Amino acid sequence: MQTFKELQSLYLGYLNTEIITKSPLGLYEPVNYIMNLGGKRIRPVLALMSYNLFQEDIEKALPLAHAIEMFHNFSLVHDDIMDEAELRRGKPSVHHKYDINTGILSGDVMMIKTYEYLASLKSERTLDIISTFNRVARKVCEGQQMDMDFETRNDVEISEYLTMIEYKTAVLLAGALKMGAILGNASSDQCDLLWEYGINIGLAFQLQDDILDVYGDPETFGKKIGGDIVQNKKTFLMLSLVASMKYDDNQIFSTTATLNAEDKISKVKALYNKYGIKDLAEAKMNTYYQNAQAALKKLNLDSHKNKREIEMLAGKLMNRVS
């Protein structure tokens, strides 16, 4: 039963052995670039943790962990193209370092490599794992499309936003946990509980991200505060405000479109404070977090060290400095 840091180190060692050296280099060099650009590797480690709840031979799960991380980075490459993002993890995004065509094609081959790693799993339940992955991948695409659609809509409901972040963010966490459990020969009920845990912790994490974008400390959050407000992103906070405002404040809110970034953030934040939007968001976040803990408790593995590791990781994710 290994800790998060031990499993993270194990995965990084495996990652270093999976550098692609085949040609054409113009196709595979960008893959190596994005895969080695850093990050906490939370998704592959969750898969290893989940597997380790049921089996000890953790090396057997490394191809699964790598498939999950490969897919995650594939989605980042294509998302950056769609968002016209110049940076990823503080470094040039793939399409910015190389070019858009390279970004598209290298992303495509990453998806193919993902299936190669999944197909290599030595398990009687490999088809079940691939079926779960297909469900996850489809929902991630649906979530991305919903997010893009929201940019041109003025009638987005809070429930739609929650569905979007579930698909775009939470399902991959849930999928990593469930696929690790399937490979570990867990029961269907245990696999479903780990999926439920991942969905709820993913939703809680994204809502916390929304909150920290407005109320976080830029030194510890790692981003400029108020970016979502400046970009007119339809977050839980923004949609809750729109649903709560009275007429006079709605008029004030409408004038923020013409303000500079600093004044816009200040005005919108004042409205958030007036209507208690932060409290609403924190209450919703805590509901999801409690739902996640309840699902984990139902696993009936209370004395299992690796279950405690998953609980501790969730606690760290949900206690970023505000």
Protein backbone atom coordinates (compact mmCIF):
# COMPACT_ATOMS: atom_id res chain seq x y z
CA MET A 1 0.00 0.00 0.00
CA GLN A 2 1.92 3.00 -1.28
CA THR A 3 1.50 6.72 -0.64
CA PHE A 4 0.55 9.30 -3.27
CA LYS A 5 4.16 10.48 -3.54
CA GLU A 6 5.43 6.92 -3.92
CA LEU A 7 2.91 6.17 -6.66
CA GLN A 8 3.63 9.49 -8.33
CA SER A 9 7.33 8.64 -8.36
CA LEU A 10 6.58 5.16 -9.69
CA TYR A 11 4.50 6.58 -12.51
CA LEU A 12 7.10 9.22 -13.41
CA GLY A 13 9.70 6.48 -13.66
CA TYR A 14 7.44 4.59 -16.04
CA LEU A 15 6.80 7.77 -18.02
CA ASN A 16 10.53 8.20 -18.54
CA THR A 17 10.72 4.74 -20.11
CA GLU A 18 7.90 5.53 -22.54
CA ILE A 19 9.60 8.32 -24.51
CA ILE A 20 8.68 7.81 -28.16
CA THR A 21 11.77 7.64 -30.39
CA LYS A 22 10.21 6.43 -33.62
CA SER A 23 9.93 8.65 -36.70
CA PRO A 24 8.67 10.96 -37.99
CA LEU A 25 10.02 13.16 -35.21
CA GLY A 26 7.71 15.97 -36.29
CA LEU A 27 4.80 13.83 -35.13
CA TYR A 28 6.18 12.33 -31.93
CA GLU A 29 8.43 15.07 -30.55
CA PRO A 30 5.39 17.22 -29.60
CA VAL A 31 3.90 14.19 -27.82
CA ASN A 32 7.04 13.79 -25.71
CA TYR A 33 7.04 17.54 -25.12
CA ILE A 34 3.52 17.77 -23.67
CA MET A 35 3.79 14.51 -21.73
CA ASN A 36 6.91 15.79 -19.95
CA LEU A 37 5.68 19.32 -19.31
CA GLY A 38 4.94 18.65 -15.65
CA GLY A 39 1.76 18.57 -13.62
CA LYS A 40 0.81 16.68 -10.46
CA ARG A 41 -0.21 13.52 -12.41
CA ILE A 42 -3.30 13.23 -10.24
CA ARG A 43 -5.32 11.15 -12.74
CA PRO A 44 -2.79 8.37 -13.32
CA VAL A 45 -1.99 8.23 -9.61
CA LEU A 46 -5.70 7.90 -8.78
CA ALA A 47 -5.86 4.91 -11.13
CA LEU A 48 -2.87 3.35 -9.36
CA MET A 49 -4.36 4.10 -5.93
CA SER A 50 -7.67 2.55 -6.90
CA TYR A 51 -5.98 -0.57 -8.27
CA ASN A 52 -3.87 -0.76 -5.11
CA LEU A 53 -7.02 -0.92 -3.01
CA PHE A 54 -7.58 -4.41 -4.38
CA GLN A 55 -4.21 -5.68 -5.66
CA GLU A 56 -0.56 -5.39 -4.63
CA ASP A 57 1.23 -5.88 -7.99
CA ILE A 58 1.00 -2.19 -8.83
CA GLU A 59 3.26 -2.38 -11.90
CA LYS A 60 0.45 -4.18 -13.74
CA ALA A 61 -1.59 -0.96 -13.63
CA LEU A 62 1.10 1.35 -15.06
CA PRO A 63 -0.04 1.02 -18.72
CA LEU A 64 -3.56 1.98 -17.60
CA ALA A 65 -2.25 4.97 -15.68
CA HIS A 66 -0.24 6.05 -18.71
CA ALA A 67 -3.23 5.68 -21.03
CA ILE A 68 -5.24 7.99 -18.76
CA GLU A 69 -2.47 10.59 -18.63
CA MET A 70 -1.97 10.32 -22.41
CA PHE A 71 -5.68 11.00 -23.00
CA HIS A 72 -5.68 13.89 -20.53
CA ASN A 73 -2.77 15.55 -22.31
CA PHE A 74 -4.33 14.86 -25.71
CA SER A 75 -7.37 16.82 -24.57
CA LEU A 76 -5.15 19.68 -23.37
CA VAL A 77 -3.38 19.90 -26.75
CA HIS A 78 -6.67 20.22 -28.62
CA ASP A 79 -8.26 22.48 -25.97
CA ASP A 80 -5.32 24.88 -26.26
CA ILE A 81 -5.86 25.06 -30.02
CA MET A 82 -9.56 25.80 -29.57
CA ASP A 83 -8.86 28.38 -26.85
CA GLU A 84 -5.93 29.90 -28.79
CA ALA A 85 -3.89 29.49 -25.59
CA GLU A 86 -0.22 30.40 -25.90
CA LEU A 87 0.87 28.77 -22.64
CA ARG A 88 0.39 25.43 -20.93
CA ARG A 89 1.87 24.95 -17.45
CA GLY A 90 3.91 28.09 -17.95
CA LYS A 91 5.52 26.88 -21.19
CA PRO A 92 4.52 27.35 -24.85
CA SER A 93 1.49 25.25 -25.79
CA VAL A 94 2.11 22.56 -28.41
CA HIS A 95 0.50 24.43 -31.28
CA HIS A 96 2.33 27.62 -30.30
CA LYS A 97 5.73 25.91 -30.02
CA TYR A 98 5.25 24.01 -33.28
CA ASP A 99 2.15 24.90 -35.35
CA ILE A 100 -1.59 24.22 -35.40
CA ASN A 101 -1.43 21.34 -37.89
CA THR A 102 1.22 19.64 -35.78
CA GLY A 103 -0.89 20.16 -32.67
CA ILE A 104 -3.92 18.55 -34.30
CA LEU A 105 -2.03 15.57 -35.71
CA SER A 106 0.11 14.95 -32.62
CA GLY A 107 -3.04 15.11 -30.52
CA ASP A 108 -4.67 12.56 -32.80
CA VAL A 109 -1.80 10.11 -32.44
CA MET A 110 -1.96 10.54 -28.65
CA MET A 111 -5.54 9.28 -28.75
CA ILE A 112 -4.41 6.27 -30.80
CA LYS A 113 -1.56 5.61 -28.35
CA THR A 114 -4.11 5.74 -25.52
CA TYR A 115 -6.00 2.82 -27.05
CA GLU A 116 -2.76 0.92 -27.62
CA TYR A 117 -1.94 1.12 -23.92
CA LEU A 118 -5.46 0.09 -22.94
CA ALA A 119 -5.40 -2.86 -25.35
CA SER A 120 -2.08 -4.00 -23.86
CA LEU A 121 -3.61 -4.61 -20.42
CA LYS A 122 -3.38 -8.25 -19.40
CA SER A 123 -6.81 -8.66 -17.87
CA GLU A 124 -10.00 -10.58 -18.51
CA ARG A 125 -11.79 -7.26 -18.00
CA THR A 126 -9.91 -5.21 -20.59
CA LEU A 127 -13.05 -4.75 -22.70
CA ASP A 128 -14.88 -3.44 -19.62
CA ILE A 129 -12.05 -0.95 -19.05
CA ILE A 130 -12.16 0.18 -22.69
CA SER A 131 -15.94 0.54 -22.50
CA THR A 132 -15.58 2.73 -19.40
CA PHE A 133 -12.88 4.76 -21.13
CA ASN A 134 -15.12 5.29 -24.18
CA ARG A 135 -17.85 6.62 -21.89
CA VAL A 136 -15.37 8.99 -20.26
CA ALA A 137 -13.86 10.21 -23.55
CA ARG A 138 -17.26 10.88 -25.08
CA LYS A 139 -18.40 12.88 -22.06
CA VAL A 140 -15.19 14.94 -22.05
CA CYS A 141 -15.92 15.90 -25.67
CA GLU A 142 -19.54 16.70 -24.82
CA GLY A 143 -18.40 18.87 -21.93
CA GLN A 144 -15.98 20.77 -24.15
CA GLN A 145 -18.73 21.44 -26.70
CA MET A 146 -21.09 22.63 -23.97
CA ASP A 147 -18.39 24.98 -22.68
CA MET A 148 -17.91 26.44 -26.16
CA ASP A 149 -21.67 26.76 -26.68
CA PHE A 150 -21.99 28.69 -23.40
CA GLU A 151 -19.75 31.44 -24.79
CA THR A 152 -22.50 32.61 -27.15
CA ARG A 153 -25.50 31.93 -24.92
CA ASN A 154 -27.11 34.25 -22.39
CA ASP A 155 -29.58 31.72 -21.01
CA VAL A 156 -27.25 29.17 -19.40
CA GLU A 157 -28.80 27.52 -16.33
CA ILE A 158 -26.83 26.58 -13.23
CA SER A 159 -27.81 22.95 -13.77
CA GLU A 160 -26.31 23.07 -17.27
CA TYR A 161 -23.08 24.48 -15.91
CA LEU A 162 -22.85 21.71 -13.33
CA THR A 163 -23.38 19.11 -16.06
CA MET A 164 -20.68 20.76 -18.16
CA ILE A 165 -18.04 20.68 -15.40
CA GLU A 166 -19.03 17.11 -14.54
CA TYR A 167 -18.34 16.06 -18.12
CA LYS A 168 -15.31 18.25 -18.78
CA THR A 169 -13.49 17.76 -15.46
CA ALA A 170 -15.03 15.25 -13.05
CA VAL A 171 -15.60 12.23 -15.32
CA LEU A 172 -11.90 11.70 -16.00
CA LEU A 173 -11.16 11.60 -12.27
CA ALA A 174 -14.08 9.21 -11.82
CA GLY A 175 -13.00 7.15 -14.81
CA ALA A 176 -9.43 6.83 -13.52
CA LEU A 177 -10.70 5.50 -10.21
CA LYS A 178 -13.22 3.13 -11.78
CA MET A 179 -10.83 1.75 -14.41
CA GLY A 180 -8.19 1.13 -11.73
CA ALA A 181 -10.76 -0.75 -9.68
CA ILE A 182 -11.92 -2.80 -12.68
CA LEU A 183 -8.33 -3.82 -13.42
CA GLY A 184 -7.97 -4.72 -9.75
CA ASN A 185 -10.96 -7.08 -10.04
CA ALA A 186 -13.13 -5.06 -7.69
CA SER A 187 -16.84 -5.81 -7.57
CA SER A 188 -19.26 -3.81 -9.74
CA ASP A 189 -20.60 -2.07 -6.62
CA GLN A 190 -17.10 -1.05 -5.53
CA CYS A 191 -16.29 0.23 -9.03
CA ASP A 192 -19.49 2.29 -9.07
CA LEU A 193 -18.77 3.76 -5.63
CA LEU A 194 -15.32 4.88 -6.77
CA TRP A 195 -16.92 6.44 -9.86
CA GLU A 196 -19.40 8.27 -7.61
CA TYR A 197 -16.55 9.42 -5.38
CA GLY A 198 -14.62 10.76 -8.37
CA ILE A 199 -17.60 12.61 -9.83
CA ASN A 200 -18.35 14.37 -6.57
CA ILE A 201 -14.76 15.24 -5.69
CA GLY A 202 -14.29 16.54 -9.25
CA LEU A 203 -17.34 18.78 -8.99
CA ALA A 204 -16.23 20.05 -5.59
CA PHE A 205 -12.74 20.75 -6.93
CA GLN A 206 -14.04 22.74 -9.90
CA LEU A 207 -16.39 24.80 -7.73
CA GLN A 208 -13.48 25.57 -5.45
CA ASP A 209 -11.55 26.67 -8.52
CA ASP A 210 -14.40 29.07 -9.38
CA ILE A 211 -14.30 30.47 -5.85
CA LEU A 212 -10.52 30.86 -5.74
CA ASP A 213 -10.54 32.68 -9.07
CA VAL A 214 -12.35 35.51 -7.27
CA TYR A 215 -11.31 35.14 -3.64
CA GLY A 216 -7.98 33.32 -3.80
CA ASP A 217 -4.47 34.52 -3.05
CA PRO A 218 -2.67 34.95 -6.39
CA GLU A 219 0.63 33.93 -4.75
CA THR A 220 -0.71 30.49 -3.87
CA PHE A 221 -3.48 30.02 -6.45
CA GLY A 222 -1.07 30.34 -9.35
CA LYS A 223 -3.36 32.48 -11.51
CA LYS A 224 -4.39 36.10 -11.74
CA ILE A 225 -7.43 36.71 -9.57
CA GLY A 226 -10.62 37.68 -11.38
CA GLY A 227 -9.75 36.12 -14.72
CA ASP A 228 -13.15 34.45 -15.04
CA ILE A 229 -14.88 37.80 -14.46
CA VAL A 230 -12.77 39.60 -17.06
CA GLN A 231 -13.43 36.84 -19.61
CA ASN A 232 -17.17 36.81 -18.86
CA LYS A 233 -17.01 33.12 -18.01
CA LYS A 234 -20.29 31.57 -16.98
CA THR A 235 -19.13 30.06 -13.70
CA PHE A 236 -21.32 28.90 -10.82
CA LEU A 237 -20.71 32.26 -9.13
CA MET A 238 -21.63 34.32 -12.17
CA LEU A 239 -24.76 32.31 -12.95
CA SER A 240 -25.85 32.43 -9.31
CA LEU A 241 -25.46 36.20 -9.30
CA VAL A 242 -27.49 36.61 -12.48
CA ALA A 243 -30.23 34.44 -10.97
CA SER A 244 -30.23 36.45 -7.71
CA MET A 245 -29.90 40.11 -8.76
CA LYS A 246 -32.68 42.62 -8.41
CA TYR A 247 -33.41 45.12 -11.18
CA ASP A 248 -31.22 47.99 -9.94
CA ASP A 249 -28.20 45.75 -9.47
CA ASN A 250 -28.86 44.17 -12.85
CA GLN A 251 -28.47 47.62 -14.33
CA ILE A 252 -25.22 48.16 -12.46
CA PHE A 253 -23.99 44.75 -13.63
CA SER A 254 -24.74 45.59 -17.26
CA THR A 255 -22.40 48.60 -17.11
CA THR A 256 -19.41 46.43 -16.15
CA ALA A 257 -18.99 45.37 -19.79
CA THR A 258 -17.39 48.74 -20.58
CA LEU A 259 -15.05 48.88 -17.57
CA ASN A 260 -11.35 48.11 -17.49
CA ALA A 261 -10.33 44.79 -15.96
CA GLU A 262 -9.57 46.10 -12.45
CA ASP A 263 -12.80 48.07 -12.12
CA LYS A 264 -14.86 45.26 -13.59
CA ILE A 265 -13.50 42.76 -11.09
CA SER A 266 -14.12 45.20 -8.23
CA LYS A 267 -17.74 45.91 -9.26
CA VAL A 268 -18.68 42.28 -9.87
CA LYS A 269 -17.00 41.12 -6.67
CA ALA A 270 -18.98 43.74 -4.73
CA LEU A 271 -22.17 42.28 -6.18
CA TYR A 272 -21.03 38.77 -5.25
CA ASN A 273 -20.52 39.97 -1.68
CA LYS A 274 -23.89 41.73 -1.56
CA TYR A 275 -25.79 38.61 -2.60
CA GLY A 276 -23.74 36.11 -0.60
CA ILE A 277 -22.60 34.30 -3.74
CA LYS A 278 -19.41 32.98 -2.17
CA ASP A 279 -21.44 31.33 0.61
CA LEU A 280 -23.75 29.75 -1.98
CA ALA A 281 -20.80 28.35 -3.92
CA GLU A 282 -19.07 27.04 -0.80
CA ALA A 283 -22.27 25.34 0.35
CA LYS A 284 -22.64 23.61 -3.02
CA MET A 285 -18.95 22.65 -3.01
CA ASN A 286 -19.22 21.18 0.49
CA THR A 287 -22.31 19.18 -0.50
CA TYR A 288 -20.34 17.49 -3.28
CA TYR A 289 -17.38 16.93 -0.97
CA GLN A 290 -19.60 15.27 1.64
CA ASN A 291 -21.21 13.13 -1.08
CA ALA A 292 -17.74 12.01 -2.12
CA GLN A 293 -16.80 11.05 1.43
CA ALA A 294 -20.07 9.14 1.84
CA ALA A 295 -19.36 7.10 -1.31
CA LEU A 296 -15.84 6.30 -0.10
CA LYS A 297 -17.19 5.21 3.29
CA LYS A 298 -19.52 2.69 1.62
CA LEU A 299 -16.50 0.82 0.24
CA ASN A 300 -16.16 -0.78 3.68
CA LEU A 301 -12.38 -0.58 3.56
CA ASP A 302 -12.00 1.65 6.60
CA SER A 303 -8.69 0.19 7.75
CA HIS A 304 -7.07 0.18 4.32
CA LYS A 305 -4.05 2.49 4.14
CA ASN A 306 -4.55 3.33 0.48
CA LYS A 307 -8.13 4.37 1.13
CA ARG A 308 -6.73 6.83 3.67
CA GLU A 309 -4.32 8.03 0.99
CA ILE A 310 -7.26 8.78 -1.34
CA GLU A 311 -9.02 10.61 1.51
CA MET A 312 -5.89 12.62 2.26
CA LEU A 313 -5.43 13.52 -1.41
CA ALA A 314 -9.01 14.76 -1.58
CA GLY A 315 -8.39 16.84 1.52
CA LYS A 316 -5.32 18.43 -0.07
CA LEU A 317 -7.24 19.20 -3.25
CA MET A 318 -10.00 20.83 -1.26
CA ASN A 319 -7.73 22.83 1.07
CA ARG A 320 -5.76 24.93 -1.35
CA VAL A 321 -4.85 28.26 0.25
CA SER A 322 -7.50 30.89 -0.37
